[in-house]
PDB file of N, CA and C in Angstrom:
ATOM      1  N   MET A   1     -25.368  10.035  -3.901  1.00  0.00           N
ATOM      2  CA  MET A   1     -24.216   9.231  -4.228  1.00  0.00           C
ATOM      3  C   MET A   1     -23.434   8.911  -2.958  1.00  0.00           C
ATOM      4  N   LEU A   2     -23.062   7.643  -2.789  1.00  0.00           N
ATOM      5  CA  LEU A   2     -22.290   7.243  -1.632  1.00  0.00           C
ATOM      6  C   LEU A   2     -20.845   7.696  -1.786  1.00  0.00           C
ATOM      7  N   ARG A   3     -20.297   8.155  -0.693  1.00  0.00           N
ATOM      8  CA  ARG A   3     -18.895   8.589  -0.696  1.00  0.00           C
ATOM      9  C   ARG A   3     -17.993   7.369  -0.542  1.00  0.00           C
ATOM     10  N   GLU A   4     -16.937   7.318  -1.327  1.00  0.00           N
ATOM     11  CA  GLU A   4     -15.987   6.216  -1.209  1.00  0.00           C
ATOM     12  C   GLU A   4     -15.311   6.265   0.159  1.00  0.00           C
ATOM     13  N   GLN A   5     -15.072   5.091   0.698  1.00  0.00           N
ATOM     14  CA  GLN A   5     -14.423   4.992   1.998  1.00  0.00           C
ATOM     15  C   GLN A   5     -12.916   5.130   1.864  1.00  0.00           C
ATOM     16  N   ALA A   6     -12.326   5.816   2.810  1.00  0.00           N
ATOM     17  CA  ALA A   6     -10.868   5.898   2.861  1.00  0.00           C
ATOM     18  C   ALA A   6     -10.344   4.546   3.337  1.00  0.00           C
ATOM     19  N   VAL A   7      -9.213   4.130   2.784  1.00  0.00           N
ATOM     20  CA  VAL A   7      -8.604   2.857   3.142  1.00  0.00           C
ATOM     21  C   VAL A   7      -7.118   3.044   3.416  1.00  0.00           C
ATOM     22  N   VAL A   8      -6.583   2.140   4.211  1.00  0.00           N
ATOM     23  CA  VAL A   8      -5.139   2.040   4.404  1.00  0.00           C
ATOM     24  C   VAL A   8      -4.744   0.679   3.837  1.00  0.00           C
ATOM     25  N   ILE A   9      -3.668   0.674   3.061  1.00  0.00           N
ATOM     26  CA  ILE A   9      -3.240  -0.531   2.360  1.00  0.00           C
ATOM     27  C   ILE A   9      -1.801  -0.831   2.769  1.00  0.00           C
ATOM     28  N   PHE A  10      -1.548  -2.104   3.077  1.00  0.00           N
ATOM     29  CA  PHE A  10      -0.213  -2.553   3.456  1.00  0.00           C
ATOM     30  C   PHE A  10       0.382  -3.379   2.327  1.00  0.00           C
ATOM     31  N   VAL A  11       1.637  -3.089   1.995  1.00  0.00           N
ATOM     32  CA  VAL A  11       2.365  -3.841   0.971  1.00  0.00           C
ATOM     33  C   VAL A  11       3.781  -4.039   1.495  1.00  0.00           C
ATOM     34  N   THR A  12       4.287  -5.271   1.415  1.00  0.00           N
ATOM     35  CA  THR A  12       5.673  -5.517   1.812  1.00  0.00           C
ATOM     36  C   THR A  12       6.556  -5.666   0.573  1.00  0.00           C
ATOM     37  N   PHE A  13       7.832  -5.308   0.749  1.00  0.00           N
ATOM     38  CA  PHE A  13       8.809  -5.315  -0.344  1.00  0.00           C
ATOM     39  C   PHE A  13      10.115  -5.921   0.138  1.00  0.00           C
ATOM     40  N   SER A  14      10.910  -6.399  -0.796  1.00  0.00           N
ATOM     41  CA  SER A  14      12.207  -6.974  -0.450  1.00  0.00           C
ATOM     42  C   SER A  14      13.218  -5.902  -0.045  1.00  0.00           C
ATOM     43  N   SER A  15      12.971  -4.650  -0.431  1.00  0.00           N
ATOM     44  CA  SER A  15      13.906  -3.573  -0.086  1.00  0.00           C
ATOM     45  C   SER A  15      13.175  -2.237   0.002  1.00  0.00           C
ATOM     46  N   SER A  16      13.790  -1.313   0.729  1.00  0.00           N
ATOM     47  CA  SER A  16      13.245   0.044   0.807  1.00  0.00           C
ATOM     48  C   SER A  16      13.299   0.732  -0.550  1.00  0.00           C
ATOM     49  N   ALA A  17      14.344   0.447  -1.327  1.00  0.00           N
ATOM     50  CA  ALA A  17      14.484   1.072  -2.646  1.00  0.00           C
ATOM     51  C   ALA A  17      13.308   0.702  -3.546  1.00  0.00           C
ATOM     52  N   GLU A  18      12.922  -0.563  -3.534  1.00  0.00           N
ATOM     53  CA  GLU A  18      11.777  -0.977  -4.342  1.00  0.00           C
ATOM     54  C   GLU A  18      10.500  -0.309  -3.842  1.00  0.00           C
ATOM     55  N   ALA A  19      10.329  -0.234  -2.521  1.00  0.00           N
ATOM     56  CA  ALA A  19       9.144   0.408  -1.949  1.00  0.00           C
ATOM     57  C   ALA A  19       9.074   1.888  -2.337  1.00  0.00           C
ATOM     58  N   VAL A  20      10.209   2.571  -2.289  1.00  0.00           N
ATOM     59  CA  VAL A  20      10.252   3.990  -2.653  1.00  0.00           C
ATOM     60  C   VAL A  20       9.875   4.175  -4.122  1.00  0.00           C
ATOM     61  N   LYS A  21      10.444   3.376  -4.977  1.00  0.00           N
ATOM     62  CA  LYS A  21      10.166   3.489  -6.417  1.00  0.00           C
ATOM     63  C   LYS A  21       8.677   3.290  -6.703  1.00  0.00           C
ATOM     64  N   ILE A  22       8.100   2.245  -6.159  1.00  0.00           N
ATOM     65  CA  ILE A  22       6.679   1.969  -6.408  1.00  0.00           C
ATOM     66  C   ILE A  22       5.800   2.984  -5.682  1.00  0.00           C
ATOM     67  N   GLY A  23       6.192   3.392  -4.485  1.00  0.00           N
ATOM     68  CA  GLY A  23       5.431   4.405  -3.757  1.00  0.00           C
ATOM     69  C   GLY A  23       5.338   5.717  -4.511  1.00  0.00           C
ATOM     70  N   ARG A  24       6.455   6.155  -5.068  1.00  0.00           N
ATOM     71  CA  ARG A  24       6.447   7.398  -5.869  1.00  0.00           C
ATOM     72  C   ARG A  24       5.507   7.274  -7.067  1.00  0.00           C
ATOM     73  N   THR A  25       5.543   6.124  -7.707  1.00  0.00           N
ATOM     74  CA  THR A  25       4.666   5.896  -8.855  1.00  0.00           C
ATOM     75  C   THR A  25       3.201   5.988  -8.448  1.00  0.00           C
ATOM     76  N   LEU A  26       2.838   5.364  -7.334  1.00  0.00           N
ATOM     77  CA  LEU A  26       1.438   5.378  -6.888  1.00  0.00           C
ATOM     78  C   LEU A  26       0.958   6.789  -6.545  1.00  0.00           C
ATOM     79  N   VAL A  27       1.833   7.585  -5.937  1.00  0.00           N
ATOM     80  CA  VAL A  27       1.463   8.966  -5.611  1.00  0.00           C
ATOM     81  C   VAL A  27       1.403   9.807  -6.885  1.00  0.00           C
ATOM     82  N   GLN A  28       2.380   9.651  -7.775  1.00  0.00           N
ATOM     83  CA  GLN A  28       2.381  10.417  -9.026  1.00  0.00           C
ATOM     84  C   GLN A  28       1.137  10.131  -9.857  1.00  0.00           C
ATOM     85  N   GLU A  29       0.681   8.873  -9.836  1.00  0.00           N
ATOM     86  CA  GLU A  29      -0.497   8.488 -10.618  1.00  0.00           C
ATOM     87  C   GLU A  29      -1.811   8.737  -9.875  1.00  0.00           C
ATOM     88  N   ARG A  30      -1.733   9.380  -8.725  1.00  0.00           N
ATOM     89  CA  ARG A  30      -2.895   9.728  -7.899  1.00  0.00           C
ATOM     90  C   ARG A  30      -3.682   8.508  -7.416  1.00  0.00           C
ATOM     91  N   LEU A  31      -3.014   7.370  -7.353  1.00  0.00           N
ATOM     92  CA  LEU A  31      -3.647   6.174  -6.795  1.00  0.00           C
ATOM     93  C   LEU A  31      -3.573   6.207  -5.275  1.00  0.00           C
ATOM     94  N   ALA A  32      -2.538   6.837  -4.743  1.00  0.00           N
ATOM     95  CA  ALA A  32      -2.361   6.982  -3.300  1.00  0.00           C
ATOM     96  C   ALA A  32      -2.173   8.448  -2.963  1.00  0.00           C
ATOM     97  N   ALA A  33      -2.741   8.849  -1.830  1.00  0.00           N
ATOM     98  CA  ALA A  33      -2.528  10.216  -1.356  1.00  0.00           C
ATOM     99  C   ALA A  33      -1.160  10.334  -0.694  1.00  0.00           C
ATOM    100  N   CYS A  34      -0.769   9.264  -0.013  1.00  0.00           N
ATOM    101  CA  CYS A  34       0.458   9.274   0.775  1.00  0.00           C
ATOM    102  C   CYS A  34       0.935   7.847   0.953  1.00  0.00           C
ATOM    103  N   VAL A  35       2.237   7.656   0.970  1.00  0.00           N
ATOM    104  CA  VAL A  35       2.804   6.359   1.348  1.00  0.00           C
ATOM    105  C   VAL A  35       3.846   6.587   2.436  1.00  0.00           C
ATOM    106  N   ASN A  36       3.857   5.711   3.399  1.00  0.00           N
ATOM    107  CA  ASN A  36       4.889   5.689   4.438  1.00  0.00           C
ATOM    108  C   ASN A  36       5.662   4.395   4.235  1.00  0.00           C
ATOM    109  N   ILE A  37       6.979   4.472   4.349  1.00  0.00           N
ATOM    110  CA  ILE A  37       7.806   3.285   4.179  1.00  0.00           C
ATOM    111  C   ILE A  37       8.564   3.046   5.477  1.00  0.00           C
ATOM    112  N   VAL A  38       8.369   1.852   6.010  1.00  0.00           N
ATOM    113  CA  VAL A  38       9.010   1.448   7.255  1.00  0.00           C
ATOM    114  C   VAL A  38      10.056   0.396   6.905  1.00  0.00           C
ATOM    115  N   SER A  39      11.312   0.737   7.093  1.00  0.00           N
ATOM    116  CA  SER A  39      12.409  -0.190   6.774  1.00  0.00           C
ATOM    117  C   SER A  39      12.664  -1.127   7.945  1.00  0.00           C
ATOM    118  N   GLY A  40      13.299  -2.247   7.645  1.00  0.00           N
ATOM    119  CA  GLY A  40      13.733  -3.147   8.700  1.00  0.00           C
ATOM    120  C   GLY A  40      12.638  -3.975   9.340  1.00  0.00           C
ATOM    121  N   VAL A  41      11.543  -4.173   8.631  1.00  0.00           N
ATOM    122  CA  VAL A  41      10.481  -5.029   9.143  1.00  0.00           C
ATOM    123  C   VAL A  41      10.963  -6.470   9.065  1.00  0.00           C
ATOM    124  N   ARG A  42      10.714  -7.231  10.088  1.00  0.00           N
ATOM    125  CA  ARG A  42      11.077  -8.652  10.074  1.00  0.00           C
ATOM    126  C   ARG A  42       9.809  -9.456   9.841  1.00  0.00           C
ATOM    127  N   SER A  43       9.811 -10.259   8.795  1.00  0.00           N
ATOM    128  CA  SER A  43       8.651 -11.062   8.424  1.00  0.00           C
ATOM    129  C   SER A  43       8.989 -12.539   8.556  1.00  0.00           C
ATOM    130  N   ILE A  44       8.136 -13.266   9.257  1.00  0.00           N
ATOM    131  CA  ILE A  44       8.268 -14.705   9.404  1.00  0.00           C
ATOM    132  C   ILE A  44       7.013 -15.317   8.803  1.00  0.00           C
ATOM    133  N   TYR A  45       7.191 -16.191   7.817  1.00  0.00           N
ATOM    134  CA  TYR A  45       6.043 -16.718   7.085  1.00  0.00           C
ATOM    135  C   TYR A  45       6.379 -18.059   6.464  1.00  0.00           C
ATOM    136  N   ARG A  46       5.347 -18.764   6.059  1.00  0.00           N
ATOM    137  CA  ARG A  46       5.530 -20.037   5.368  1.00  0.00           C
ATOM    138  C   ARG A  46       5.374 -19.776   3.866  1.00  0.00           C
ATOM    139  N   TRP A  47       6.360 -20.227   3.083  1.00  0.00           N
ATOM    140  CA  TRP A  47       6.306 -20.068   1.631  1.00  0.00           C
ATOM    141  C   TRP A  47       6.895 -21.309   0.980  1.00  0.00           C
ATOM    142  N   GLN A  48       6.128 -21.909   0.103  1.00  0.00           N
ATOM    143  CA  GLN A  48       6.537 -23.092  -0.643  1.00  0.00           C
ATOM    144  C   GLN A  48       7.097 -24.184   0.280  1.00  0.00           C
ATOM    145  N   GLY A  49       6.376 -24.417   1.382  1.00  0.00           N
ATOM    146  CA  GLY A  49       6.714 -25.492   2.307  1.00  0.00           C
ATOM    147  C   GLY A  49       7.817 -25.195   3.303  1.00  0.00           C
ATOM    148  N   LYS A  50       8.376 -23.990   3.272  1.00  0.00           N
ATOM    149  CA  LYS A  50       9.457 -23.626   4.188  1.00  0.00           C
ATOM    150  C   LYS A  50       9.029 -22.465   5.074  1.00  0.00           C
ATOM    151  N   ILE A  51       9.611 -22.417   6.274  1.00  0.00           N
ATOM    152  CA  ILE A  51       9.443 -21.246   7.131  1.00  0.00           C
ATOM    153  C   ILE A  51      10.543 -20.252   6.752  1.00  0.00           C
ATOM    154  N   CYS A  52      10.143 -19.057   6.392  1.00  0.00           N
ATOM    155  CA  CYS A  52      11.081 -18.006   5.988  1.00  0.00           C
ATOM    156  C   CYS A  52      11.151 -16.942   7.080  1.00  0.00           C
ATOM    157  N   ASP A  53      12.297 -16.349   7.245  1.00  0.00           N
ATOM    158  CA  ASP A  53      12.529 -15.275   8.217  1.00  0.00           C
ATOM    159  C   ASP A  53      13.348 -14.224   7.479  1.00  0.00           C
ATOM    160  N   GLU A  54      12.699 -13.156   7.041  1.00  0.00           N
ATOM    161  CA  GLU A  54      13.333 -12.188   6.141  1.00  0.00           C
ATOM    162  C   GLU A  54      13.174 -10.746   6.637  1.00  0.00           C
ATOM    163  N   ARG A  55      14.103  -9.919   6.220  1.00  0.00           N
ATOM    164  CA  ARG A  55      13.979  -8.463   6.407  1.00  0.00           C
ATOM    165  C   ARG A  55      13.246  -7.918   5.193  1.00  0.00           C
ATOM    166  N   GLU A  56      12.273  -7.068   5.440  1.00  0.00           N
ATOM    167  CA  GLU A  56      11.503  -6.459   4.363  1.00  0.00           C
ATOM    168  C   GLU A  56      11.259  -4.990   4.692  1.00  0.00           C
ATOM    169  N   ALA A  57      10.692  -4.279   3.747  1.00  0.00           N
ATOM    170  CA  ALA A  57      10.211  -2.913   3.958  1.00  0.00           C
ATOM    171  C   ALA A  57       8.696  -2.961   3.849  1.00  0.00           C
ATOM    172  N   LEU A  58       8.026  -2.224   4.700  1.00  0.00           N
ATOM    173  CA  LEU A  58       6.573  -2.171   4.709  1.00  0.00           C
ATOM    174  C   LEU A  58       6.103  -0.813   4.211  1.00  0.00           C
ATOM    175  N   MET A  59       5.225  -0.838   3.215  1.00  0.00           N
ATOM    176  CA  MET A  59       4.592   0.392   2.744  1.00  0.00           C
ATOM    177  C   MET A  59       3.184   0.460   3.329  1.00  0.00           C
ATOM    178  N   VAL A  60       2.871   1.611   3.888  1.00  0.00           N
ATOM    179  CA  VAL A  60       1.528   1.891   4.383  1.00  0.00           C
ATOM    180  C   VAL A  60       1.008   3.036   3.518  1.00  0.00           C
ATOM    181  N   LEU A  61      -0.020   2.748   2.725  1.00  0.00           N
ATOM    182  CA  LEU A  61      -0.516   3.812   1.854  1.00  0.00           C
ATOM    183  C   LEU A  61      -1.971   4.132   2.157  1.00  0.00           C
ATOM    184  N   LYS A  62      -2.322   5.379   1.930  1.00  0.00           N
ATOM    185  CA  LYS A  62      -3.680   5.845   2.156  1.00  0.00           C
ATOM    186  C   LYS A  62      -4.316   6.224   0.828  1.00  0.00           C
ATOM    187  N   SER A  63      -5.542   5.742   0.635  1.00  0.00           N
ATOM    188  CA  SER A  63      -6.245   5.980  -0.619  1.00  0.00           C
ATOM    189  C   SER A  63      -7.741   5.870  -0.377  1.00  0.00           C
ATOM    190  N   ARG A  64      -8.466   5.596  -1.473  1.00  0.00           N
ATOM    191  CA  ARG A  64      -9.921   5.407  -1.417  1.00  0.00           C
ATOM    192  C   ARG A  64     -10.269   4.023  -1.914  1.00  0.00           C
ATOM    193  N   SER A  65     -11.364   3.479  -1.394  1.00  0.00           N
ATOM    194  CA  SER A  65     -11.772   2.119  -1.749  1.00  0.00           C
ATOM    195  C   SER A  65     -11.977   1.956  -3.255  1.00  0.00           C
ATOM    196  N   GLY A  66     -12.424   2.981  -3.931  1.00  0.00           N
ATOM    197  CA  GLY A  66     -12.649   2.909  -5.368  1.00  0.00           C
ATOM    198  C   GLY A  66     -11.370   2.770  -6.185  1.00  0.00           C
ATOM    199  N   LYS A  67     -10.227   3.032  -5.578  1.00  0.00           N
ATOM    200  CA  LYS A  67      -8.928   2.914  -6.267  1.00  0.00           C
ATOM    201  C   LYS A  67      -8.261   1.564  -6.007  1.00  0.00           C
ATOM    202  N   LEU A  68      -8.822   0.754  -5.102  1.00  0.00           N
ATOM    203  CA  LEU A  68      -8.148  -0.449  -4.637  1.00  0.00           C
ATOM    204  C   LEU A  68      -7.766  -1.409  -5.763  1.00  0.00           C
ATOM    205  N   GLN A  69      -8.670  -1.729  -6.649  1.00  0.00           N
ATOM    206  CA  GLN A  69      -8.348  -2.693  -7.714  1.00  0.00           C
ATOM    207  C   GLN A  69      -7.265  -2.160  -8.646  1.00  0.00           C
ATOM    208  N   ARG A  70      -7.283  -0.872  -8.928  1.00  0.00           N
ATOM    209  CA  ARG A  70      -6.224  -0.276  -9.756  1.00  0.00           C
ATOM    210  C   ARG A  70      -4.881  -0.315  -9.039  1.00  0.00           C
ATOM    211  N   ILE A  71      -4.896  -0.077  -7.718  1.00  0.00           N
ATOM    212  CA  ILE A  71      -3.660  -0.146  -6.927  1.00  0.00           C
ATOM    213  C   ILE A  71      -3.103  -1.565  -6.965  1.00  0.00           C
ATOM    214  N   ILE A  72      -3.969  -2.552  -6.752  1.00  0.00           N
ATOM    215  CA  ILE A  72      -3.525  -3.947  -6.771  1.00  0.00           C
ATOM    216  C   ILE A  72      -2.883  -4.287  -8.117  1.00  0.00           C
ATOM    217  N   ARG A  73      -3.558  -3.923  -9.209  1.00  0.00           N
ATOM    218  CA  ARG A  73      -3.000  -4.212 -10.540  1.00  0.00           C
ATOM    219  C   ARG A  73      -1.658  -3.509 -10.751  1.00  0.00           C
ATOM    220  N   ARG A  74      -1.576  -2.254 -10.326  1.00  0.00           N
ATOM    221  CA  ARG A  74      -0.343  -1.478 -10.551  1.00  0.00           C
ATOM    222  C   ARG A  74       0.805  -2.034  -9.711  1.00  0.00           C
ATOM    223  N   VAL A  75       0.541  -2.321  -8.447  1.00  0.00           N
ATOM    224  CA  VAL A  75       1.592  -2.876  -7.602  1.00  0.00           C
ATOM    225  C   VAL A  75       2.059  -4.212  -8.164  1.00  0.00           C
ATOM    226  N   ARG A  76       1.131  -5.085  -8.538  1.00  0.00           N
ATOM    227  CA  ARG A  76       1.515  -6.397  -9.079  1.00  0.00           C
ATOM    228  C   ARG A  76       2.356  -6.253 -10.345  1.00  0.00           C
ATOM    229  N   SER A  77       2.073  -5.241 -11.163  1.00  0.00           N
ATOM    230  CA  SER A  77       2.828  -5.062 -12.412  1.00  0.00           C
ATOM    231  C   SER A  77       4.255  -4.590 -12.164  1.00  0.00           C
ATOM    232  N   LEU A  78       4.519  -3.975 -11.022  1.00  0.00           N
ATOM    233  CA  LEU A  78       5.829  -3.399 -10.728  1.00  0.00           C
ATOM    234  C   LEU A  78       6.620  -4.178  -9.678  1.00  0.00           C
ATOM    235  N   HIS A  79       5.958  -5.016  -8.911  1.00  0.00           N
ATOM    236  CA  HIS A  79       6.544  -5.669  -7.736  1.00  0.00           C
ATOM    237  C   HIS A  79       7.442  -6.845  -8.125  1.00  0.00           C
ATOM    238  N   SER A  80       8.483  -7.073  -7.341  1.00  0.00           N
ATOM    239  CA  SER A  80       9.415  -8.177  -7.628  1.00  0.00           C
ATOM    240  C   SER A  80       8.907  -9.531  -7.129  1.00  0.00           C
ATOM    241  N   TYR A  81       7.949  -9.551  -6.199  1.00  0.00           N
ATOM    242  CA  TYR A  81       7.438 -10.821  -5.684  1.00  0.00           C
ATOM    243  C   TYR A  81       6.394 -11.394  -6.635  1.00  0.00           C
ATOM    244  N   SER A  82       6.341 -12.719  -6.732  1.00  0.00           N
ATOM    245  CA  SER A  82       5.302 -13.353  -7.552  1.00  0.00           C
ATOM    246  C   SER A  82       3.924 -13.239  -6.893  1.00  0.00           C
ATOM    247  N   VAL A  83       3.897 -13.193  -5.557  1.00  0.00           N
ATOM    248  CA  VAL A  83       2.637 -13.029  -4.813  1.00  0.00           C
ATOM    249  C   VAL A  83       2.866 -11.958  -3.742  1.00  0.00           C
ATOM    250  N   PRO A  84       2.792 -10.685  -4.126  1.00  0.00           N
ATOM    251  CA  PRO A  84       3.032  -9.640  -3.132  1.00  0.00           C
ATOM    252  C   PRO A  84       1.875  -9.534  -2.134  1.00  0.00           C
ATOM    253  N   GLU A  85       2.237  -9.200  -0.905  1.00  0.00           N
ATOM    254  CA  GLU A  85       1.216  -8.900   0.107  1.00  0.00           C
ATOM    255  C   GLU A  85       0.606  -7.546  -0.238  1.00  0.00           C
ATOM    256  N   ILE A  86      -0.677  -7.529  -0.487  1.00  0.00           N
ATOM    257  CA  ILE A  86      -1.417  -6.283  -0.712  1.00  0.00           C
ATOM    258  C   ILE A  86      -2.732  -6.460   0.033  1.00  0.00           C
ATOM    259  N   ILE A  87      -2.857  -5.830   1.193  1.00  0.00           N
ATOM    260  CA  ILE A  87      -4.087  -5.956   1.967  1.00  0.00           C
ATOM    261  C   ILE A  87      -4.612  -4.570   2.320  1.00  0.00           C
ATOM    262  N   ALA A  88      -5.918  -4.440   2.316  1.00  0.00           N
ATOM    263  CA  ALA A  88      -6.547  -3.154   2.583  1.00  0.00           C
ATOM    264  C   ALA A  88      -7.475  -3.258   3.789  1.00  0.00           C
ATOM    265  N   LEU A  89      -7.473  -2.213   4.576  1.00  0.00           N
ATOM    266  CA  LEU A  89      -8.363  -2.108   5.728  1.00  0.00           C
ATOM    267  C   LEU A  89      -9.117  -0.788   5.640  1.00  0.00           C
ATOM    268  N   PRO A  90     -10.385  -0.772   6.035  1.00  0.00           N
ATOM    269  CA  PRO A  90     -11.128   0.484   6.014  1.00  0.00           C
ATOM    270  C   PRO A  90     -10.634   1.416   7.116  1.00  0.00           C
ATOM    271  N   ILE A  91     -10.656   2.690   6.831  1.00  0.00           N
ATOM    272  CA  ILE A  91     -10.395   3.702   7.854  1.00  0.00           C
ATOM    273  C   ILE A  91     -11.756   4.069   8.431  1.00  0.00           C
ATOM    274  N   LEU A  92     -11.988   3.707   9.665  1.00  0.00           N
ATOM    275  CA  LEU A  92     -13.297   3.892  10.281  1.00  0.00           C
ATOM    276  C   LEU A  92     -13.537   5.317  10.756  1.00  0.00           C
ATOM    277  N   GLY A  93     -12.480   6.058  10.937  1.00  0.00           N
ATOM    278  CA  GLY A  93     -12.628   7.437  11.386  1.00  0.00           C
ATOM    279  C   GLY A  93     -11.277   8.101  11.401  1.00  0.00           C
ATOM    280  N   GLY A  94     -11.295   9.376  11.720  1.00  0.00           N
ATOM    281  CA  GLY A  94     -10.046  10.128  11.773  1.00  0.00           C
ATOM    282  C   GLY A  94     -10.330  11.605  11.600  1.00  0.00           C
ATOM    283  N   SER A  95      -9.286  12.362  11.463  1.00  0.00           N
ATOM    284  CA  SER A  95      -9.402  13.796  11.260  1.00  0.00           C
ATOM    285  C   SER A  95     -10.185  14.080   9.980  1.00  0.00           C
ATOM    286  N   LYS A  96     -11.234  14.849  10.096  1.00  0.00           N
ATOM    287  CA  LYS A  96     -12.062  15.192   8.935  1.00  0.00           C
ATOM    288  C   LYS A  96     -11.222  15.861   7.845  1.00  0.00           C
ATOM    289  N   GLU A  97     -10.314  16.708   8.246  1.00  0.00           N
ATOM    290  CA  GLU A  97      -9.469  17.415   7.287  1.00  0.00           C
ATOM    291  C   GLU A  97      -8.526  16.452   6.562  1.00  0.00           C
ATOM    292  N   TYR A  98      -7.964  15.492   7.300  1.00  0.00           N
ATOM    293  CA  TYR A  98      -7.049  14.526   6.684  1.00  0.00           C
ATOM    294  C   TYR A  98      -7.803  13.620   5.721  1.00  0.00           C
ATOM    295  N   LEU A  99      -8.958  13.133   6.120  1.00  0.00           N
ATOM    296  CA  LEU A  99      -9.748  12.269   5.239  1.00  0.00           C
ATOM    297  C   LEU A  99     -10.185  13.021   3.985  1.00  0.00           C
ATOM    298  N   SER A 100     -10.497  14.289   4.129  1.00  0.00           N
ATOM    299  CA  SER A 100     -10.841  15.121   2.971  1.00  0.00           C
ATOM    300  C   SER A 100      -9.626  15.267   2.051  1.00  0.00           C
ATOM    301  N   TRP A 101      -8.452  15.450   2.633  1.00  0.00           N
ATOM    302  CA  TRP A 101      -7.234  15.565   1.840  1.00  0.00           C
ATOM    303  C   TRP A 101      -6.978  14.282   1.047  1.00  0.00           C
ATOM    304  N   ILE A 102      -7.211  13.103   1.634  1.00  0.00           N
ATOM    305  CA  ILE A 102      -7.036  11.844   0.921  1.00  0.00           C
ATOM    306  C   ILE A 102      -7.917  11.843  -0.326  1.00  0.00           C
ATOM    307  N   ARG A 103      -9.178  12.243  -0.159  1.00  0.00           N
ATOM    308  CA  ARG A 103     -10.093  12.274  -1.327  1.00  0.00           C
ATOM    309  C   ARG A 103      -9.570  13.219  -2.410  1.00  0.00           C
ATOM    310  N   LYS A 104      -9.161  14.405  -1.998  1.00  0.00           N
ATOM    311  CA  LYS A 104      -8.681  15.397  -2.977  1.00  0.00           C
ATOM    312  C   LYS A 104      -7.394  14.958  -3.671  1.00  0.00           C
ATOM    313  N   ALA A 105      -6.485  14.350  -2.923  1.00  0.00           N
ATOM    314  CA  ALA A 105      -5.180  13.971  -3.468  1.00  0.00           C
ATOM    315  C   ALA A 105      -5.275  12.783  -4.423  1.00  0.00           C
ATOM    316  N   THR A 106      -6.375  12.051  -4.377  1.00  0.00           N
ATOM    317  CA  THR A 106      -6.508  10.866  -5.239  1.00  0.00           C
ATOM    318  C   THR A 106      -7.565  11.055  -6.325  1.00  0.00           C
ATOM    319  N   ARG A 107      -7.898  12.285  -6.627  1.00  0.00           N
ATOM    320  CA  ARG A 107      -8.851  12.553  -7.704  1.00  0.00           C
ATOM    321  C   ARG A 107      -8.183  12.478  -9.046  1.00  0.00           C
TER     322      ARG A 107
END
């Protein structure tokens, strides 16, 4: 059986409070092993024909690739944005103990 790959997922929010609320839910539901919330992120992007320049909070969460679709559905169900940023990147390596902990924490 192939082992699921560890992933890091980025999600932006309009506020740290929203990120904390959703982050706690993801950890409680064992979808994420850990979430880090970085406040005061400045995002510049094009939306509905306008250039936007906004303060946001960035969530960095660690999980497994097999949980990704459930994470996307859960975040979308709770998020205030109509099109939230939810992107995942593979973790190519790292501390064996930490990667093992991610697997255990998301069982």
